[in-house]
Amino acid sequence: MNAQQYIISFLSGENAAGCEQFVFYGSPEFAPSQAKTVIVPSDFFNESVYGTPATLPKTPFEMLPDSEIPFLFGEPRIEKDEEGRFILYADLVASAYFMLSRYEETLKPECRDLHGRFLAKDSVVFQQKYGMRPLVDEWGKYLRDLLRKAGTGLPDERHGFKKIYLTHDIDTPFILWRREQVFKQWIKNVIRYGKKIPDPYRVYQTGVNDPCNNFSDIISYDSSLRDKKGESLVVPLYFMIAAGNSHTKSYCDIELPKYQAMLRQLVESGAEIGLHASYEAGADPALLKVEMKRMFRYCSCAVSKSRHHFLRWREPEHIDEMELAGITEDFTLGYADSVGFRVGTCRPYKFINPRSKRVTDIVIHPMEIMECSLDRKVYMGLDFEAAKDVCEEIAAKVYDYNGELILLWHNTSFLQGWHDALYREILKYLAGETL
């Protein structure tokens, strides 16, 4: 299946499997008899312009006919021919491809922060104030509504959460990790500086009573929602660093007994474990194979999911190394500087490499909400109430489109500011499902 066919199938939706046969992407005169809707291509995929700045969407975006839904390529025009088919000149296939493949990011290599990440502030969709909307899912619904009007008898739209992933990146599982920290903590205890940690040497050895070892609390929070909504719907998922030095400060030695005890605690709670690819792997994806081998060696459960440390998956061709490493699902694709819909969907999909146009076997689970995006002054800078409102707004949209809600809360964030309270408020909201 080529990329264009895959996009049509994705827009058609799981609830309307097979309806892609009623959609034709091309000139109306070549449409097969069974086609009920024809999408007329723009020049986006033309070899003469593909991969050049000429393919960036013009702003401000125009709206789909008879709607308030923006689209990226083509014309805001629709016709109905003598056979009752809809001819849509808004190129939803190219628009969805642009979002799902991260195509824009390959054209703007200069738009990277100090960690090599593409940020929401550089996204044309976020710049046009549409980043809080799952535009690809809106385009899919618009297409299915056209097919219903054309008499295909498609089922009604589904609502509700397909999955709720409660994910936690464990960058700092223990604060007392090195022997020299024990002496420093003892001095702090004596002069009453910072948080007192009784018996720091024992804490260093066992991890017990280490402030960062708050996994019992996190497990309790996640289990409360899982018990109410069901194990098939709510999935706690912890991403663990297996190797690396920069920005992990050697906190994550997976071989140590206290780290192994922590892993057992998480697995026994029913949580899934994924690889938190190291900071270094964000620039050198060949390291992923080594890191996955360490996970298989020291983790008692199967590991096939990943998320990059610092959300530092930088280039689309890195997907090839992910496949070679045995990764089948990735949870990296969200923005660091804003919550919202980086790829325009809340549904899992197979990543499309925009340079080769290849539909890969890696399933992408787009992340909508990361806690530190909400309150950091360099990012959104929200207070508690504003953060709660935007989280509920995003959750409601995911619910409307039967998508996956993916939250990211680092274990250390539960110790900072109002993140613990906000997390519990979100879980209460999801438990009540007052959407």
Protein backbone atom coordinates (compact mmCIF):
# COMPACT_ATOMS: atom_id res chain seq x y z
CA MET A 1 0.00 0.00 0.00
CA ASN A 2 1.48 3.34 -1.00
CA ALA A 3 1.32 6.42 1.19
CA GLN A 4 -1.67 7.98 -0.58
CA GLN A 5 -3.72 4.79 -0.31
CA TYR A 6 -2.78 4.49 3.35
CA ILE A 7 -3.91 8.08 4.01
CA ILE A 8 -7.29 7.40 2.38
CA SER A 9 -7.70 4.28 4.50
CA PHE A 10 -6.74 6.21 7.64
CA LEU A 11 -9.17 9.04 6.90
CA SER A 12 -11.90 6.46 6.30
CA GLY A 13 -11.54 5.30 9.92
CA GLU A 14 -11.65 1.93 11.65
CA ASN A 15 -15.39 2.13 12.20
CA ALA A 16 -15.94 2.38 8.44
CA ALA A 17 -13.54 -0.30 7.27
CA GLY A 18 -13.83 -0.84 3.54
CA CYS A 19 -15.27 2.58 2.77
CA GLU A 20 -11.99 3.59 1.13
CA GLN A 21 -13.29 1.80 -1.98
CA PHE A 22 -15.79 4.66 -2.32
CA VAL A 23 -13.03 7.30 -2.33
CA PHE A 24 -10.95 8.09 -5.41
CA TYR A 25 -7.90 10.34 -5.36
CA GLY A 26 -7.35 11.71 -8.85
CA SER A 27 -9.05 13.39 -11.79
CA PRO A 28 -12.84 12.81 -11.86
CA GLU A 29 -12.76 11.43 -15.42
CA PHE A 30 -10.67 8.49 -14.22
CA ALA A 31 -12.79 7.66 -11.17
CA PRO A 32 -14.09 4.06 -11.00
CA SER A 33 -17.81 3.40 -11.00
CA GLN A 34 -17.99 2.59 -7.28
CA ALA A 35 -16.45 5.93 -6.25
CA LYS A 36 -18.84 8.15 -4.30
CA THR A 37 -16.38 10.93 -3.47
CA VAL A 38 -13.50 12.12 -5.62
CA ILE A 39 -10.67 14.13 -4.06
CA VAL A 40 -8.92 16.17 -6.73
CA PRO A 41 -5.16 16.30 -6.06
CA SER A 42 -3.30 19.57 -5.64
CA ASP A 43 0.24 19.79 -6.99
CA PHE A 44 1.71 18.80 -3.59
CA PHE A 45 2.97 15.38 -4.75
CA ASN A 46 4.27 16.60 -8.13
CA GLU A 47 7.91 15.61 -8.47
CA SER A 48 8.83 19.11 -9.60
CA VAL A 49 7.81 20.66 -6.26
CA TYR A 50 7.70 17.86 -3.69
CA GLY A 51 10.31 18.44 -1.00
CA THR A 52 10.67 22.14 -1.74
CA PRO A 53 9.39 25.20 0.19
CA ALA A 54 6.79 25.64 -2.56
CA THR A 55 4.80 22.84 -0.89
CA LEU A 56 4.38 24.63 2.43
CA PRO A 57 0.71 25.57 2.91
CA LYS A 58 -0.37 29.14 2.29
CA THR A 59 -1.75 31.12 5.20
CA PRO A 60 -4.28 31.96 6.42
CA PHE A 61 -5.84 28.56 5.83
CA GLU A 62 -9.07 28.33 3.87
CA MET A 63 -12.10 26.42 5.17
CA LEU A 64 -13.66 23.27 3.78
CA PRO A 65 -16.95 23.99 2.00
CA ASP A 66 -19.92 24.47 4.33
CA SER A 67 -17.76 24.10 7.43
CA GLU A 68 -15.39 25.87 9.80
CA ILE A 69 -12.68 23.25 9.28
CA PRO A 70 -9.38 24.58 7.92
CA PHE A 71 -7.40 22.57 5.37
CA LEU A 72 -3.92 22.99 3.92
CA PHE A 73 -3.89 22.30 0.17
CA GLY A 74 -6.25 22.62 -2.76
CA GLU A 75 -9.35 24.78 -3.21
CA PRO A 76 -12.39 25.35 -0.96
CA ARG A 77 -14.75 23.99 -3.59
CA ILE A 78 -17.10 21.02 -3.92
CA GLU A 79 -19.35 19.89 -6.76
CA LYS A 80 -21.81 17.10 -7.37
CA ASP A 81 -21.72 15.44 -10.79
CA GLU A 82 -24.50 13.82 -12.79
CA GLU A 83 -23.86 10.46 -11.15
CA GLY A 84 -24.36 11.92 -7.68
CA ARG A 85 -20.68 11.83 -6.74
CA PHE A 86 -19.08 14.57 -4.71
CA ILE A 87 -16.04 16.17 -6.33
CA LEU A 88 -13.92 17.76 -3.59
CA TYR A 89 -11.15 20.13 -4.64
CA ALA A 90 -9.74 20.45 -1.12
CA ASP A 91 -6.81 18.02 -1.09
CA LEU A 92 -7.38 16.20 2.19
CA VAL A 93 -4.90 13.48 1.26
CA ALA A 94 -1.97 15.89 0.90
CA SER A 95 -3.13 17.81 3.98
CA ALA A 96 -3.19 14.66 6.13
CA TYR A 97 0.12 13.46 4.69
CA PHE A 98 1.71 16.80 5.62
CA MET A 99 0.65 16.33 9.25
CA LEU A 100 1.18 12.60 9.80
CA SER A 101 4.62 12.40 8.15
CA ARG A 102 6.11 15.48 9.89
CA TYR A 103 6.83 16.70 6.34
CA GLU A 104 7.12 20.32 7.44
CA GLU A 105 9.97 19.50 9.78
CA THR A 106 12.13 18.14 6.96
CA LEU A 107 11.79 21.47 5.14
CA LYS A 108 12.81 23.54 8.16
CA PRO A 109 16.08 22.04 9.43
CA GLU A 110 17.05 25.42 10.86
CA CYS A 111 14.02 25.36 13.18
CA ARG A 112 15.50 23.36 16.05
CA ASP A 113 16.08 24.20 19.70
CA LEU A 114 19.31 23.46 21.57
CA HIS A 115 18.25 19.80 21.91
CA GLY A 116 17.59 19.46 18.18
CA ARG A 117 13.79 19.44 18.57
CA PHE A 118 11.20 21.00 16.29
CA LEU A 119 8.86 23.07 18.46
CA ALA A 120 5.20 23.99 18.24
CA LYS A 121 6.06 27.67 17.83
CA ASP A 122 7.62 26.82 14.43
CA SER A 123 4.64 24.73 13.25
CA VAL A 124 2.46 26.49 10.67
CA VAL A 125 -0.62 24.82 12.18
CA PHE A 126 0.17 26.10 15.69
CA GLN A 127 1.07 29.51 14.31
CA GLN A 128 -2.41 29.66 12.77
CA LYS A 129 -3.90 28.74 16.20
CA TYR A 130 -5.18 25.29 15.17
CA GLY A 131 -2.79 23.13 17.19
CA MET A 132 -5.42 22.31 19.81
CA ARG A 133 -7.61 20.65 17.18
CA PRO A 134 -7.09 17.15 15.75
CA LEU A 135 -7.39 18.40 12.17
CA VAL A 136 -6.67 15.06 10.50
CA ASP A 137 -9.50 13.48 12.48
CA GLU A 138 -11.78 16.39 11.55
CA TRP A 139 -10.92 15.84 7.87
CA GLY A 140 -11.72 12.15 8.23
CA LYS A 141 -15.14 12.89 9.69
CA TYR A 142 -15.82 15.45 6.94
CA LEU A 143 -14.98 12.82 4.31
CA ARG A 144 -17.16 10.17 5.95
CA ASP A 145 -20.06 12.64 6.16
CA LEU A 146 -19.76 13.18 2.40
CA LEU A 147 -19.87 9.43 1.86
CA ARG A 148 -23.00 9.19 4.01
CA LYS A 149 -24.65 11.94 1.97
CA ALA A 150 -23.72 9.98 -1.16
CA GLY A 151 -25.70 6.99 0.16
CA THR A 152 -22.97 4.59 1.27
CA GLY A 153 -24.73 3.68 4.52
CA LEU A 154 -21.70 4.15 6.73
CA PRO A 155 -22.27 3.57 10.47
CA ASP A 156 -22.53 6.51 12.84
CA GLU A 157 -19.40 7.96 14.40
CA ARG A 158 -18.06 6.33 17.55
CA HIS A 159 -17.31 8.38 20.63
CA GLY A 160 -15.37 7.52 23.76
CA PHE A 161 -11.75 6.74 24.50
CA LYS A 162 -10.13 3.95 22.54
CA LYS A 163 -7.30 3.90 25.10
CA ILE A 164 -6.05 6.01 27.96
CA TYR A 165 -2.28 5.71 28.31
CA LEU A 166 -0.94 6.98 31.64
CA THR A 167 2.72 7.27 30.73
CA HIS A 168 5.65 8.14 32.96
CA ASP A 169 9.21 8.89 31.83
CA ILE A 170 11.57 7.79 34.59
CA ASP A 171 14.59 10.05 34.10
CA THR A 172 15.47 10.20 37.81
CA PRO A 173 14.25 7.14 39.71
CA PHE A 174 16.43 7.92 42.75
CA ILE A 175 17.88 11.18 44.01
CA LEU A 176 20.67 9.47 46.01
CA TRP A 177 22.36 7.61 43.21
CA ARG A 178 26.11 8.08 43.80
CA ARG A 179 28.09 7.52 46.99
CA GLU A 180 29.31 11.14 47.17
CA GLN A 181 25.70 12.30 47.34
CA VAL A 182 25.32 10.52 50.68
CA PHE A 183 27.89 12.78 52.37
CA LYS A 184 26.34 15.90 50.82
CA GLN A 185 22.91 14.84 52.06
CA TRP A 186 24.25 14.20 55.55
CA ILE A 187 25.66 17.76 55.61
CA LYS A 188 22.30 19.13 54.42
CA ASN A 189 20.57 17.24 57.22
CA VAL A 190 22.93 18.77 59.80
CA ILE A 191 22.62 22.36 58.58
CA ARG A 192 18.92 21.90 57.80
CA TYR A 193 19.28 22.82 54.15
CA GLY A 194 16.62 21.57 51.75
CA LYS A 195 14.65 18.38 52.35
CA LYS A 196 15.92 16.15 55.15
CA ILE A 197 16.47 12.49 54.23
CA PRO A 198 16.98 10.32 57.33
CA ASP A 199 19.67 7.65 57.13
CA PRO A 200 20.93 8.71 53.66
CA TYR A 201 23.36 5.77 53.34
CA ARG A 202 20.56 3.23 53.70
CA VAL A 203 18.45 5.22 51.24
CA TYR A 204 21.39 5.20 48.82
CA GLN A 205 21.75 1.42 49.15
CA THR A 206 18.10 0.38 48.94
CA GLY A 207 16.18 3.26 47.36
CA VAL A 208 13.63 3.00 50.18
CA ASN A 209 12.43 6.46 51.38
CA ASP A 210 14.21 8.13 48.48
CA PRO A 211 12.00 11.13 47.56
CA CYS A 212 12.13 10.28 43.84
CA ASN A 213 11.09 6.71 44.54
CA ASN A 214 7.41 7.67 44.65
CA PHE A 215 6.18 4.84 42.48
CA SER A 216 3.80 3.46 45.11
CA ASP A 217 1.85 6.73 44.98
CA ILE A 218 1.82 6.81 41.17
CA ILE A 219 0.71 3.18 41.01
CA SER A 220 -2.11 3.99 43.44
CA TYR A 221 -3.30 6.93 41.31
CA ASP A 222 -3.23 4.96 38.08
CA SER A 223 -4.84 1.87 39.60
CA SER A 224 -7.79 3.91 40.85
CA LEU A 225 -8.68 4.92 37.30
CA ARG A 226 -7.90 1.48 35.92
CA ASP A 227 -10.19 -0.18 38.46
CA LYS A 228 -13.04 2.14 37.48
CA LYS A 229 -12.63 2.10 33.70
CA GLY A 230 -11.14 -1.35 33.08
CA GLU A 231 -7.73 -2.82 32.34
CA SER A 232 -8.38 -2.96 28.60
CA LEU A 233 -8.98 0.81 28.46
CA VAL A 234 -6.46 2.26 30.94
CA VAL A 235 -2.81 1.35 30.41
CA PRO A 236 -0.06 2.56 32.81
CA LEU A 237 3.19 2.68 30.84
CA TYR A 238 6.65 3.50 32.20
CA PHE A 239 9.56 4.42 29.94
CA MET A 240 12.91 3.45 31.45
CA ILE A 241 16.40 4.55 30.42
CA ALA A 242 18.71 1.59 29.84
CA ALA A 243 21.89 3.47 28.83
CA GLY A 244 23.30 6.94 28.22
CA ASN A 245 25.15 9.68 30.09
CA SER A 246 24.25 13.21 28.99
CA HIS A 247 21.18 14.66 30.68
CA THR A 248 20.66 11.41 32.60
CA LYS A 249 23.67 12.04 34.88
CA SER A 250 24.15 8.28 35.29
CA TYR A 251 20.99 8.09 37.42
CA CYS A 252 19.69 5.11 35.51
CA ASP A 253 21.95 2.09 35.96
CA ILE A 254 19.47 -0.63 35.10
CA GLU A 255 21.75 -3.36 36.51
CA LEU A 256 21.65 -2.18 40.15
CA PRO A 257 19.53 -4.18 42.62
CA LYS A 258 17.40 -1.20 43.67
CA TYR A 259 16.62 -0.41 40.02
CA GLN A 260 15.70 -4.05 39.46
CA ALA A 261 13.44 -3.95 42.53
CA MET A 262 11.72 -0.87 41.13
CA LEU A 263 11.16 -2.61 37.80
CA ARG A 264 9.63 -5.62 39.53
CA GLN A 265 7.30 -3.34 41.50
CA LEU A 266 6.06 -1.69 38.31
CA VAL A 267 5.58 -4.96 36.42
CA GLU A 268 3.77 -6.57 39.35
CA SER A 269 1.40 -3.59 39.45
CA GLY A 270 0.25 -4.46 35.93
CA ALA A 271 2.10 -1.62 34.20
CA GLU A 272 3.81 -1.96 30.84
CA ILE A 273 7.49 -1.08 30.38
CA GLY A 274 9.00 0.71 27.40
CA LEU A 275 12.45 1.94 26.43
CA HIS A 276 13.19 5.58 27.18
CA ALA A 277 15.75 6.05 24.42
CA SER A 278 18.76 7.98 25.69
CA TYR A 279 19.60 11.58 24.89
CA GLU A 280 22.50 10.34 22.78
CA ALA A 281 20.23 8.06 20.74
CA GLY A 282 18.29 11.14 19.68
CA ALA A 283 21.29 12.12 17.55
CA ASP A 284 22.69 8.64 16.89
CA PRO A 285 19.79 6.19 16.47
CA ALA A 286 22.18 3.28 15.90
CA LEU A 287 22.47 3.24 19.71
CA LEU A 288 18.86 2.06 19.97
CA LYS A 289 19.82 -1.53 19.19
CA VAL A 290 22.28 -1.60 22.11
CA GLU A 291 19.78 -0.01 24.47
CA MET A 292 17.02 -2.43 23.50
CA LYS A 293 19.38 -5.36 24.13
CA ARG A 294 19.99 -4.05 27.65
CA MET A 295 16.25 -3.76 28.23
CA PHE A 296 15.70 -7.35 27.09
CA ARG A 297 18.55 -8.52 29.34
CA TYR A 298 17.50 -6.75 32.52
CA CYS A 299 13.73 -6.40 32.22
CA SER A 300 11.53 -9.37 33.03
CA CYS A 301 8.77 -8.39 30.58
CA ALA A 302 8.64 -7.95 26.81
CA VAL A 303 9.64 -4.48 25.61
CA SER A 304 8.62 -3.16 22.17
CA LYS A 305 7.50 0.42 22.89
CA SER A 306 9.70 3.51 23.04
CA ARG A 307 9.82 7.21 23.73
CA HIS A 308 12.90 9.39 23.23
CA HIS A 309 14.39 11.25 26.19
CA PHE A 310 13.69 14.99 25.84
CA LEU A 311 11.30 13.99 22.99
CA ARG A 312 14.48 14.02 20.94
CA TRP A 313 13.52 11.89 17.94
CA ARG A 314 14.90 14.35 15.40
CA GLU A 315 14.77 12.98 11.86
CA PRO A 316 12.28 10.73 10.03
CA GLU A 317 14.95 8.32 8.76
CA HIS A 318 15.63 7.36 12.39
CA ILE A 319 12.59 5.15 12.01
CA ASP A 320 14.74 2.63 10.13
CA GLU A 321 17.00 2.15 13.16
CA MET A 322 13.96 1.86 15.40
CA GLU A 323 12.66 -1.00 13.29
CA LEU A 324 16.04 -2.73 13.33
CA ALA A 325 16.16 -2.41 17.13
CA GLY A 326 12.86 -4.27 17.51
CA ILE A 327 10.71 -1.27 18.39
CA THR A 328 7.17 -1.59 17.04
CA GLU A 329 5.39 1.33 18.74
CA ASP A 330 6.58 4.83 19.60
CA PHE A 331 5.11 7.48 21.93
CA THR A 332 7.48 10.41 21.25
CA LEU A 333 5.44 12.61 18.93
CA GLY A 334 4.20 15.48 21.03
CA TYR A 335 5.67 18.96 21.32
CA ALA A 336 7.87 20.03 24.23
CA ASP A 337 6.64 23.62 24.26
CA SER A 338 2.90 23.03 23.97
CA VAL A 339 0.26 20.44 24.59
CA GLY A 340 -2.03 19.66 21.67
CA PHE A 341 -2.04 17.64 18.47
CA ARG A 342 1.41 17.69 16.87
CA VAL A 343 0.46 15.33 14.03
CA GLY A 344 -3.20 16.33 13.84
CA THR A 345 -4.64 13.08 15.14
CA CYS A 346 -5.34 11.32 18.42
CA ARG A 347 -5.43 7.92 16.74
CA PRO A 348 -2.48 5.52 16.32
CA TYR A 349 -1.10 5.24 12.80
CA LYS A 350 1.83 3.86 10.85
CA PHE A 351 4.54 6.43 10.38
CA ILE A 352 5.19 7.64 6.82
CA ASN A 353 8.76 8.63 6.01
CA PRO A 354 8.38 11.93 4.10
CA ARG A 355 11.71 11.52 2.34
CA SER A 356 11.07 8.04 0.92
CA LYS A 357 7.23 8.18 1.13
CA ARG A 358 7.43 4.69 2.66
CA VAL A 359 4.70 3.52 5.03
CA THR A 360 6.72 1.98 7.86
CA ASP A 361 5.76 -0.73 10.34
CA ILE A 362 6.26 1.55 13.36
CA VAL A 363 2.94 2.50 14.96
CA ILE A 364 2.90 6.07 16.27
CA HIS A 365 0.86 6.90 19.38
CA PRO A 366 0.67 10.73 19.40
CA MET A 367 1.12 12.29 22.83
CA GLU A 368 -1.28 15.14 23.61
CA ILE A 369 -0.30 16.29 27.12
CA MET A 370 3.08 16.56 28.85
CA GLU A 371 2.98 18.16 32.28
CA CYS A 372 6.06 20.39 31.98
CA SER A 373 4.71 21.95 28.76
CA LEU A 374 1.88 23.44 30.80
CA ASP A 375 3.58 25.51 33.48
CA ARG A 376 7.13 26.29 32.41
CA LYS A 377 7.54 29.97 31.61
CA VAL A 378 9.55 29.19 28.46
CA TYR A 379 6.65 27.04 27.24
CA MET A 380 2.95 27.72 27.94
CA GLY A 381 3.35 29.29 31.40
CA LEU A 382 -0.14 28.37 32.61
CA ASP A 383 -1.45 28.44 36.18
CA PHE A 384 -3.31 25.49 37.71
CA GLU A 385 -6.82 26.42 36.58
CA ALA A 386 -5.78 27.27 33.03
CA ALA A 387 -3.79 24.04 32.79
CA LYS A 388 -6.76 22.02 34.06
CA ASP A 389 -9.07 23.67 31.52
CA VAL A 390 -6.80 22.99 28.56
CA CYS A 391 -6.28 19.36 29.61
CA GLU A 392 -10.02 18.80 29.85
CA GLU A 393 -10.51 20.51 26.48
CA ILE A 394 -8.02 18.16 24.85
CA ALA A 395 -9.52 15.11 26.57
CA ALA A 396 -12.97 16.06 25.28
CA LYS A 397 -11.69 16.24 21.71
CA VAL A 398 -10.01 12.84 22.01
CA TYR A 399 -13.29 11.46 23.35
CA ASP A 400 -15.23 12.95 20.41
CA TYR A 401 -12.97 11.22 17.88
CA ASN A 402 -12.67 7.86 19.65
CA GLY A 403 -8.95 8.35 20.03
CA GLU A 404 -6.17 7.59 22.48
CA LEU A 405 -5.57 10.03 25.31
CA ILE A 406 -1.88 9.97 26.19
CA LEU A 407 -0.63 11.78 29.30
CA LEU A 408 3.04 12.14 30.25
CA TRP A 409 3.90 12.83 33.90
CA HIS A 410 7.51 12.34 35.03
CA ASN A 411 7.82 10.77 38.46
CA THR A 412 9.76 13.82 39.67
CA SER A 413 6.97 16.18 38.60
CA PHE A 414 4.71 14.79 41.31
CA LEU A 415 7.12 16.45 43.75
CA GLN A 416 6.95 19.88 42.09
CA GLY A 417 4.33 22.61 42.30
CA TRP A 418 0.76 21.61 41.53
CA HIS A 419 1.50 18.74 39.14
CA ASP A 420 0.44 16.08 41.66
CA ALA A 421 -2.90 17.82 42.24
CA LEU A 422 -3.46 18.41 38.52
CA TYR A 423 -2.81 14.77 37.67
CA ARG A 424 -5.32 13.60 40.25
CA GLU A 425 -7.88 16.14 38.98
CA ILE A 426 -7.48 14.87 35.41
CA LEU A 427 -7.95 11.27 36.55
CA LYS A 428 -11.11 12.27 38.43
CA TYR A 429 -12.39 13.96 35.29
CA LEU A 430 -11.68 10.85 33.22
CA ALA A 431 -13.26 8.59 35.82
CA GLY A 432 -16.45 10.61 35.70
CA GLU A 433 -16.20 10.93 31.91
CA THR A 434 -18.29 14.10 32.03
CA LEU A 435 -17.41 14.88 28.43
